[in-house]
Protein backbone atom coordinates (compact mmCIF):
# COMPACT_ATOMS: atom_id res chain seq x y z
CA UNK A 1 -2.61 -9.57 -25.75
CA UNK A 2 -4.75 -10.43 -22.80
CA UNK A 3 -3.17 -10.29 -19.40
CA UNK A 4 -4.85 -10.88 -15.92
CA UNK A 5 -3.18 -9.01 -13.08
CA UNK A 6 -3.87 -11.00 -9.77
CA UNK A 7 -3.47 -8.53 -7.01
CA UNK A 8 -3.53 -9.91 -3.43
CA UNK A 9 -4.27 -6.50 -1.62
CA UNK A 10 -6.81 -3.45 -2.33
CA UNK A 11 -5.95 -1.40 -5.60
CA UNK A 12 -6.78 2.24 -6.02
CA UNK A 13 -10.34 3.11 -6.86
CA UNK A 14 -12.17 1.37 -3.63
CA UNK A 15 -11.87 4.88 -1.59
CA UNK A 16 -9.86 2.79 1.21
CA UNK A 17 -6.01 3.28 1.84
CA UNK A 18 -3.57 1.33 -0.43
CA UNK A 19 -0.74 -0.89 0.57
CA UNK A 20 2.28 -1.79 -1.29
CA UNK A 21 1.25 -5.19 -3.00
CA UNK A 22 -2.25 -3.28 -4.31
CA UNK A 23 -0.49 -0.31 -5.89
CA UNK A 24 2.10 -2.52 -7.41
CA UNK A 25 -0.40 -4.35 -8.97
CA UNK A 26 -1.99 -1.47 -10.44
CA UNK A 27 1.08 0.12 -11.59
CA UNK A 28 1.84 -3.13 -13.47
CA UNK A 29 -1.34 -3.06 -15.04
CA UNK A 30 -1.06 0.60 -16.34
CA UNK A 31 2.42 -0.24 -17.30
CA UNK A 32 1.21 -2.98 -19.56
CA UNK A 33 -1.70 -0.97 -20.74
CA UNK A 34 0.77 1.56 -21.82
CA UNK A 35 2.11 -0.99 -24.32
CA UNK A 36 -1.41 -2.16 -25.78
CA UNK A 37 -2.10 -5.26 -23.63
CA UNK A 38 -5.60 -5.58 -22.60
CA UNK A 39 -5.42 -5.77 -18.63
CA UNK A 40 -7.83 -6.94 -16.42
CA UNK A 41 -6.96 -6.65 -12.62
CA UNK A 42 -8.62 -9.27 -10.27
CA UNK A 43 -9.16 -8.21 -6.63
CA UNK A 44 -9.78 -10.88 -3.92
CA UNK A 45 -13.52 -10.81 -2.51
CA UNK A 46 -12.78 -12.20 0.63
CA UNK A 47 -10.48 -9.28 1.63
CA UNK A 48 -12.95 -6.74 0.28
CA UNK A 49 -15.78 -8.50 2.32
CA UNK A 50 -13.51 -8.19 5.52
CA UNK A 51 -13.27 -4.22 4.76
CA UNK A 52 -16.76 -3.77 3.62
CA UNK A 53 -19.11 -6.64 4.87
CA UNK A 54 -21.82 -6.91 2.70
CA UNK A 55 -21.62 -3.68 0.91
CA UNK A 56 -18.53 -3.89 -1.42
CA UNK A 57 -18.23 -1.18 -3.48
CA UNK A 58 -18.00 -1.66 -7.45
CA UNK A 59 -14.75 -2.41 -8.54
CA UNK A 60 -12.61 0.52 -10.71
CA UNK A 61 -12.75 0.56 -14.65
CA UNK A 62 -10.42 -2.48 -15.67
CA UNK A 63 -10.71 -4.66 -12.16
CA UNK A 64 -12.98 -7.55 -11.22
CA UNK A 65 -13.80 -8.77 -7.61
CA UNK A 66 -13.16 -12.52 -7.60
CA UNK A 67 -13.52 -15.12 -4.89
CA UNK A 68 -10.13 -16.77 -5.11
CA UNK A 69 -11.79 -20.31 -5.58
CA UNK A 70 -12.98 -18.74 -8.95
CA UNK A 71 -9.61 -17.46 -10.09
CA UNK A 72 -9.36 -20.76 -12.58
CA UNK A 73 -13.32 -19.80 -13.61
CA UNK A 74 -12.02 -16.12 -14.47
CA UNK A 75 -8.97 -17.16 -16.51
CA UNK A 76 -11.34 -19.76 -18.39
CA UNK A 77 -13.87 -16.87 -18.88
CA UNK A 78 -11.06 -13.98 -20.30
CA UNK A 79 -8.74 -16.83 -22.05
CA UNK A 80 -5.73 -14.68 -21.07
CA UNK A 81 -2.30 -14.82 -22.61
CA UNK A 82 -0.64 -14.45 -19.60
CA UNK A 83 -1.42 -14.24 -15.78
CA UNK A 84 0.63 -12.05 -13.55
CA UNK A 85 0.13 -12.77 -9.73
CA UNK A 86 2.10 -10.65 -7.21
CA UNK A 87 3.49 -12.84 -4.54
CA UNK A 88 2.56 -16.09 -3.79
CA UNK A 89 -0.07 -16.01 -1.42
CA UNK A 90 -3.23 -16.92 -3.57
CA UNK A 91 -1.68 -19.34 -6.15
CA UNK A 92 -2.76 -22.49 -4.23
CA UNK A 93 -5.98 -21.47 -5.96
CA UNK A 94 -4.00 -21.37 -9.63
CA UNK A 95 -3.09 -24.38 -11.82
CA UNK A 96 -1.65 -24.80 -15.29
CA UNK A 97 -3.98 -24.24 -18.32
CA UNK A 98 -2.97 -24.97 -21.86
CA UNK A 99 -2.16 -21.79 -23.57
CA UNK A 100 -1.88 -19.51 -20.34
CA UNK A 101 1.59 -18.14 -19.26
CA UNK A 102 1.63 -17.56 -15.55
CA UNK A 103 4.05 -14.94 -14.41
CA UNK A 104 5.28 -14.89 -10.46
CA UNK A 105 5.82 -11.25 -9.60
CA UNK A 106 8.29 -11.98 -6.65
CA UNK A 107 7.36 -8.52 -5.04
CA UNK A 108 8.83 -8.59 -1.71
CA UNK A 109 11.05 -11.39 0.24
CA UNK A 110 8.42 -12.44 2.09
CA UNK A 111 10.16 -15.25 4.14
CA UNK A 112 13.36 -12.85 4.60
CA UNK A 113 10.58 -10.47 6.35
CA UNK A 114 9.26 -13.37 8.61
CA UNK A 115 12.93 -14.61 9.85
CA UNK A 116 13.58 -10.63 10.49
CA UNK A 117 9.91 -10.36 12.64
CA UNK A 118 9.99 -10.50 16.31
CA UNK A 119 6.20 -10.72 16.55
CA UNK A 120 5.57 -14.16 16.82
CA UNK A 121 6.66 -16.81 19.27
CA UNK A 122 9.61 -18.93 17.80
CA UNK A 123 7.22 -22.28 16.79
CA UNK A 124 4.57 -19.92 15.38
CA UNK A 125 7.33 -18.15 13.22
CA UNK A 126 8.83 -21.60 12.18
CA UNK A 127 5.18 -22.80 11.18
CA UNK A 128 4.78 -19.44 9.24
CA UNK A 129 7.90 -19.60 7.59
CA UNK A 130 7.22 -23.66 6.58
CA UNK A 131 3.83 -22.64 5.29
CA UNK A 132 5.33 -19.63 3.11
CA UNK A 133 8.10 -21.71 1.86
CA UNK A 134 5.75 -24.37 0.69
CA UNK A 135 3.42 -21.66 -0.95
CA UNK A 136 6.31 -20.27 -2.72
CA UNK A 137 7.98 -23.61 -4.23
CA UNK A 138 4.54 -24.03 -5.85
CA UNK A 139 4.16 -20.69 -7.03
CA UNK A 140 7.61 -20.98 -8.68
CA UNK A 141 6.71 -24.51 -9.82
CA UNK A 142 4.10 -22.83 -11.60
CA UNK A 143 6.01 -19.77 -13.05
CA UNK A 144 6.62 -19.84 -16.79
CA UNK A 145 8.31 -16.39 -15.99
CA UNK A 146 9.43 -14.43 -13.00
CA UNK A 147 9.60 -10.85 -12.37
CA UNK A 148 11.47 -9.17 -9.38
CA UNK A 149 11.05 -5.89 -7.75
CA UNK A 150 14.56 -4.55 -8.23
CA UNK A 151 17.94 -5.96 -9.39
CA UNK A 152 18.95 -6.89 -6.29
CA UNK A 153 16.82 -9.96 -6.09
CA UNK A 154 18.03 -11.53 -9.03
CA UNK A 155 20.27 -13.69 -7.43
CA UNK A 156 17.71 -14.32 -4.57
CA UNK A 157 15.11 -15.34 -6.98
CA UNK A 158 17.43 -17.64 -9.10
CA UNK A 159 18.50 -19.45 -5.53
CA UNK A 160 14.67 -20.07 -5.24
CA UNK A 161 14.33 -21.23 -8.77
CA UNK A 162 16.73 -23.97 -8.20
CA UNK A 163 15.62 -25.86 -5.15
CA UNK A 164 14.93 -29.24 -5.14
CA UNK A 165 10.97 -28.88 -4.23
CA UNK A 166 10.51 -26.46 -6.90
CA UNK A 167 11.74 -28.91 -9.40
CA UNK A 168 9.32 -31.50 -7.94
CA UNK A 169 6.62 -28.86 -8.44
CA UNK A 170 7.60 -28.27 -12.04
CA UNK A 171 7.91 -31.65 -12.77
CA UNK A 172 4.44 -32.26 -11.60
CA UNK A 173 2.91 -29.25 -13.37
CA UNK A 174 4.88 -30.04 -16.59
CA UNK A 175 6.41 -26.47 -16.81
CA UNK A 176 9.77 -27.62 -17.55
CA UNK A 177 13.47 -27.16 -16.33
CA UNK A 178 14.06 -24.05 -13.86
CA UNK A 179 16.86 -22.85 -16.19
CA UNK A 180 14.16 -22.11 -18.95
CA UNK A 181 12.56 -19.30 -16.81
CA UNK A 182 13.79 -15.99 -17.53
CA UNK A 183 13.71 -13.52 -14.54
CA UNK A 184 13.28 -9.76 -15.32
CA UNK A 185 13.58 -6.86 -13.35
CA UNK A 186 10.50 -4.82 -12.75
CA UNK A 187 10.95 -1.82 -10.92
CA UNK A 188 8.33 -0.47 -8.60
CA UNK A 189 5.54 1.20 -11.12
CA UNK A 190 3.49 3.84 -9.15
CA UNK A 191 0.42 5.15 -10.85
CA UNK A 192 -0.27 8.68 -10.06
CA UNK A 193 -3.41 9.58 -8.61
CA UNK A 194 -5.20 12.21 -11.04
CA UNK A 195 -5.34 14.87 -8.57
CA UNK A 196 -1.59 15.10 -8.19
CA UNK A 197 1.05 16.65 -10.40
CA UNK A 198 4.18 14.65 -9.93
CA UNK A 199 6.92 17.00 -11.73
CA UNK A 200 6.22 20.45 -10.72
CA UNK A 201 9.24 22.73 -10.28
CA UNK A 202 10.17 22.10 -6.58
CA UNK A 203 8.87 24.37 -3.99
CA UNK A 204 11.21 27.44 -3.37
CA UNK A 205 12.32 27.67 0.34
CA UNK A 206 12.21 31.49 0.23
CA UNK A 207 13.58 31.60 3.95
CA UNK A 208 10.80 29.11 5.33
CA UNK A 209 11.68 25.98 7.40
CA UNK A 210 12.69 22.96 5.49
CA UNK A 211 9.73 20.52 5.93
CA UNK A 212 10.99 16.71 6.21
CA UNK A 213 8.46 13.77 6.27
CA UNK A 214 8.23 10.27 7.96
CA UNK A 215 5.62 8.05 6.44
CA UNK A 216 4.42 4.49 6.22
CA UNK A 217 3.00 1.39 7.75
CA UNK A 218 4.69 -0.31 10.86
CA UNK A 219 6.81 -3.35 9.86
CA UNK A 220 8.18 -5.44 13.08
CA UNK A 221 11.08 -6.11 10.35
CA UNK A 222 12.60 -2.68 10.18
CA UNK A 223 11.35 -1.02 13.62
CA UNK A 224 13.63 1.38 15.58
CA UNK A 225 12.38 1.26 18.84
CA UNK A 226 14.31 4.57 20.45
CA UNK A 227 14.32 7.95 18.97
CA UNK A 228 16.93 7.80 16.36
CA UNK A 229 19.67 10.51 16.86
CA UNK A 230 19.48 11.25 13.21
CA UNK A 231 15.93 12.35 13.55
CA UNK A 232 16.92 14.46 16.84
CA UNK A 233 19.64 16.32 14.93
CA UNK A 234 17.20 17.44 12.36
CA UNK A 235 14.96 18.76 14.77
CA UNK A 236 17.62 20.23 16.62
CA UNK A 237 18.80 22.15 13.23
CA UNK A 238 15.55 23.83 13.18
CA UNK A 239 13.81 21.58 10.61
CA UNK A 240 10.36 20.60 10.49
CA UNK A 241 9.90 16.63 11.17
CA UNK A 242 6.31 15.67 10.24
CA UNK A 243 5.26 11.86 10.73
CA UNK A 244 2.42 9.90 9.36
CA UNK A 245 2.97 6.72 10.99
CA UNK A 246 -0.38 4.85 11.39
CA UNK A 247 -1.22 1.02 12.28
CA UNK A 248 -2.03 -0.79 9.04
CA UNK A 249 -5.62 0.19 8.17
CA UNK A 250 -6.40 -3.60 7.85
CA UNK A 251 -5.80 -4.38 11.51
CA UNK A 252 -3.04 -6.60 11.06
CA UNK A 253 -0.07 -7.46 13.25
CA UNK A 254 2.13 -4.87 11.92
CA UNK A 255 0.41 -2.20 13.74
CA UNK A 256 3.21 -1.10 15.82
CA UNK A 257 5.18 2.25 15.82
CA UNK A 258 7.82 2.32 12.99
CA UNK A 259 9.89 4.35 15.10
CA UNK A 260 10.00 6.52 18.27
CA UNK A 261 9.53 10.16 17.33
CA UNK A 262 11.44 13.44 18.83
CA UNK A 263 9.20 15.42 21.08
CA UNK A 264 9.25 18.34 18.52
CA UNK A 265 7.82 16.33 15.49
CA UNK A 266 4.62 16.93 14.14
CA UNK A 267 2.30 14.04 14.17
CA UNK A 268 -0.17 13.72 11.46
CA UNK A 269 -3.59 11.50 11.38
CA UNK A 270 -3.90 8.69 9.42
CA UNK A 271 -3.78 6.13 7.34
CA UNK A 272 -4.70 8.40 3.87
CA UNK A 273 -6.00 7.38 0.78
CA UNK A 274 -3.45 7.22 -2.15
CA UNK A 275 -4.34 10.64 -3.40
CA UNK A 276 -4.37 12.58 -0.19
CA UNK A 277 -1.13 10.52 0.82
CA UNK A 278 0.51 11.87 -2.51
CA UNK A 279 -0.70 15.41 -1.40
CA UNK A 280 1.17 14.79 1.94
CA UNK A 281 4.30 13.66 0.30
CA UNK A 282 4.52 16.50 -2.13
CA UNK A 283 4.26 19.06 0.77
CA UNK A 284 7.57 17.98 1.94
CA UNK A 285 10.86 18.84 0.73
CA UNK A 286 12.47 15.48 1.22
CA UNK A 287 11.21 12.14 2.95
CA UNK A 288 13.12 10.78 5.59
CA UNK A 289 13.45 6.68 5.65
CA UNK A 290 15.75 5.13 8.19
CA UNK A 291 15.41 1.73 9.33
CA UNK A 292 16.99 -1.29 11.53
CA UNK A 293 19.40 -3.21 9.11
CA UNK A 294 18.52 -6.61 8.15
CA UNK A 295 18.66 -9.07 5.27
CA UNK A 296 15.24 -8.05 4.29
CA UNK A 297 16.24 -4.39 4.30
CA UNK A 298 18.91 -5.06 1.79
CA UNK A 299 16.57 -6.64 -0.82
CA UNK A 300 14.08 -4.04 -0.11
CA UNK A 301 12.51 -1.79 -2.96
CA UNK A 302 10.67 0.26 0.11
CA UNK A 303 7.29 1.54 -1.45
CA UNK A 304 6.94 4.53 0.57
CA UNK A 305 10.32 5.92 -0.85
CA UNK A 306 9.66 4.88 -4.41
CA UNK A 307 6.35 6.90 -4.13
CA UNK A 308 8.41 10.00 -2.69
CA UNK A 309 10.51 9.72 -5.59
CA UNK A 310 7.85 9.35 -8.07
CA UNK A 311 6.18 12.37 -6.67
CA UNK A 312 9.31 14.32 -7.18
CA UNK A 313 10.46 14.22 -3.68
CA UNK A 314 13.96 13.54 -2.58
CA UNK A 315 14.87 10.88 0.34
CA UNK A 316 17.36 10.82 3.16
CA UNK A 317 17.90 7.11 3.02
CA UNK A 318 19.88 4.41 4.92
CA UNK A 319 22.79 2.91 3.28
CA UNK A 320 21.77 -0.58 2.17
CA UNK A 321 18.48 -1.16 0.30
CA UNK A 322 17.48 -1.28 -3.45
CA UNK A 323 16.25 2.27 -3.09
CA UNK A 324 19.63 3.67 -1.88
CA UNK A 325 20.90 2.49 -5.20
CA UNK A 326 18.65 4.54 -7.00
CA UNK A 327 19.02 7.64 -5.26
CA UNK A 328 22.78 7.51 -5.39
CA UNK A 329 22.39 6.55 -9.22
CA UNK A 330 20.12 9.67 -9.78
CA UNK A 331 21.23 12.13 -7.12
CA UNK A 332 17.98 12.22 -5.55
CA UNK A 333 18.94 12.82 -2.16
CA UNK A 334 21.01 11.90 0.71
CA UNK A 335 22.18 8.17 1.33
CA UNK A 336 23.80 7.38 4.80
CA UNK A 337 24.53 5.30 7.73
CA UNK A 338 22.39 5.87 10.17
CA UNK A 339 24.49 5.36 12.92
CA UNK A 340 27.10 7.74 11.48
CA UNK A 341 27.18 11.41 13.19
CA UNK A 342 29.17 12.67 10.56
CA UNK A 343 27.09 11.83 7.83
CA UNK A 344 24.07 12.95 9.54
CA UNK A 345 25.94 16.36 10.00
CA UNK A 346 26.63 16.57 6.29
CA UNK A 347 22.94 16.01 5.52
CA UNK A 348 21.72 18.67 8.09
CA UNK A 349 24.21 21.20 6.52
CA UNK A 350 23.09 20.88 2.50
CA UNK A 351 19.57 20.97 3.59
CA UNK A 352 20.31 24.18 4.30
CA UNK A 353 21.31 24.96 0.96
CA UNK A 354 18.31 25.65 -1.59
CA UNK A 355 20.33 25.12 -4.47
CA UNK A 356 21.40 21.64 -3.13
CA UNK A 357 17.90 20.71 -2.12
CA UNK A 358 16.39 21.76 -5.77
CA UNK A 359 19.27 19.42 -7.25
CA UNK A 360 18.09 16.65 -5.23
CA UNK A 361 14.78 17.17 -6.01
CA UNK A 362 15.75 17.36 -9.60
CA UNK A 363 17.48 14.11 -9.46
CA UNK A 364 13.95 12.53 -7.76
CA UNK A 365 12.26 13.65 -10.83
CA UNK A 366 14.58 12.01 -13.24
CA UNK A 367 14.00 8.68 -11.39
CA UNK A 368 10.35 9.35 -11.41
CA UNK A 369 10.35 9.44 -15.14
CA UNK A 370 13.16 6.53 -15.75
CA UNK A 371 12.47 4.27 -13.05
CA UNK A 372 9.18 4.41 -11.30
CA UNK A 373 6.85 5.77 -14.30
CA UNK A 374 4.90 2.49 -15.18
CA UNK A 375 5.57 2.71 -18.84
CA UNK A 376 9.45 2.94 -17.72
CA UNK A 377 8.98 0.15 -14.95
CA UNK A 378 7.24 -2.31 -17.52
CA UNK A 379 9.02 -1.81 -20.61
CA UNK A 380 11.48 -4.71 -20.57
CA UNK A 381 8.78 -6.84 -19.08
CA UNK A 382 6.46 -6.15 -21.90
CA UNK A 383 9.09 -7.26 -24.45
CA UNK A 384 9.36 -10.59 -22.52
CA UNK A 385 5.78 -11.20 -22.60
CA UNK A 386 5.43 -10.81 -25.84
CA UNK A 387 8.48 -13.14 -26.67
CA UNK A 388 6.91 -15.42 -23.99
CA UNK A 389 3.61 -15.86 -25.62
């Protein structure tokens, strides 16, 4: 069948760093293509114009650069069976069309992100939440199906679907009762750069220092304001702590430090293109991802950690997120309460054992194949899409 995946961010192929929504759009497209679907990815022209001005580069194969007001013209031209839209940002430009099924990919709980943010005055934050709520309820009114990025979001999605304001949109659009909308889990599908081999055998330690990486864009709802005692403990144990923590390449308001770092940490310049970032992650023996707890983090399928496991690199991860469930299920690293010194010491001790580190890397490679490879992540969604159309 013909499918349009509507990205709300840049996808790989434009030679700029790629953030989580664009990576998800590309991964969904790759996963659907693996099951025989004909997929076009639409990337907003205004976003690319902000980055490149008048010199927007050609779109990669299988993608189109489209001005948001022209989304419906693209749909009428391609006549897809389904349109998958990432998040709700661009859905004010979408309208029901006979024969076209709309799939809302509820990638991130953005209202929870805003509620946990400290970057705006209270009145401005309240307005942003109200605006986002209005867009989100309209998107749910348009949707014939909903995909969620991880099983923890199932109840969250159902709660939103059954709001009164969603029912009003569904009545106006003629999309039927919310109870008819199937919600399907689609884990984070991570496409691999051609230059990177994901499942090489783990690097032998051979007496060298263990290399631990911290990476990712800054997010105001998950920052650690002071040097974390766990990070300091890793450095004190003699492990190399490497950090790649740039501000967002688009210059948005998330350009704040993700966390303070121990003095001994090695700082790396960024941001990097996705291929370069993947190679950097693969140079590490494990990636560290601890963060301030919040309702948003409890639901989060944290992209940088999904990428690490997709690349066969185990994690040291905070206790309560969608990712922590996958780490535990696959023995793909260490899950701990970041405030628990005893648990940190256990991780420090196990990192000194090459056999344990190799077993954790094997668990990350298992998660790569079963949870984060695009074909694995889209298997059930592709089946449901066929049933929907």
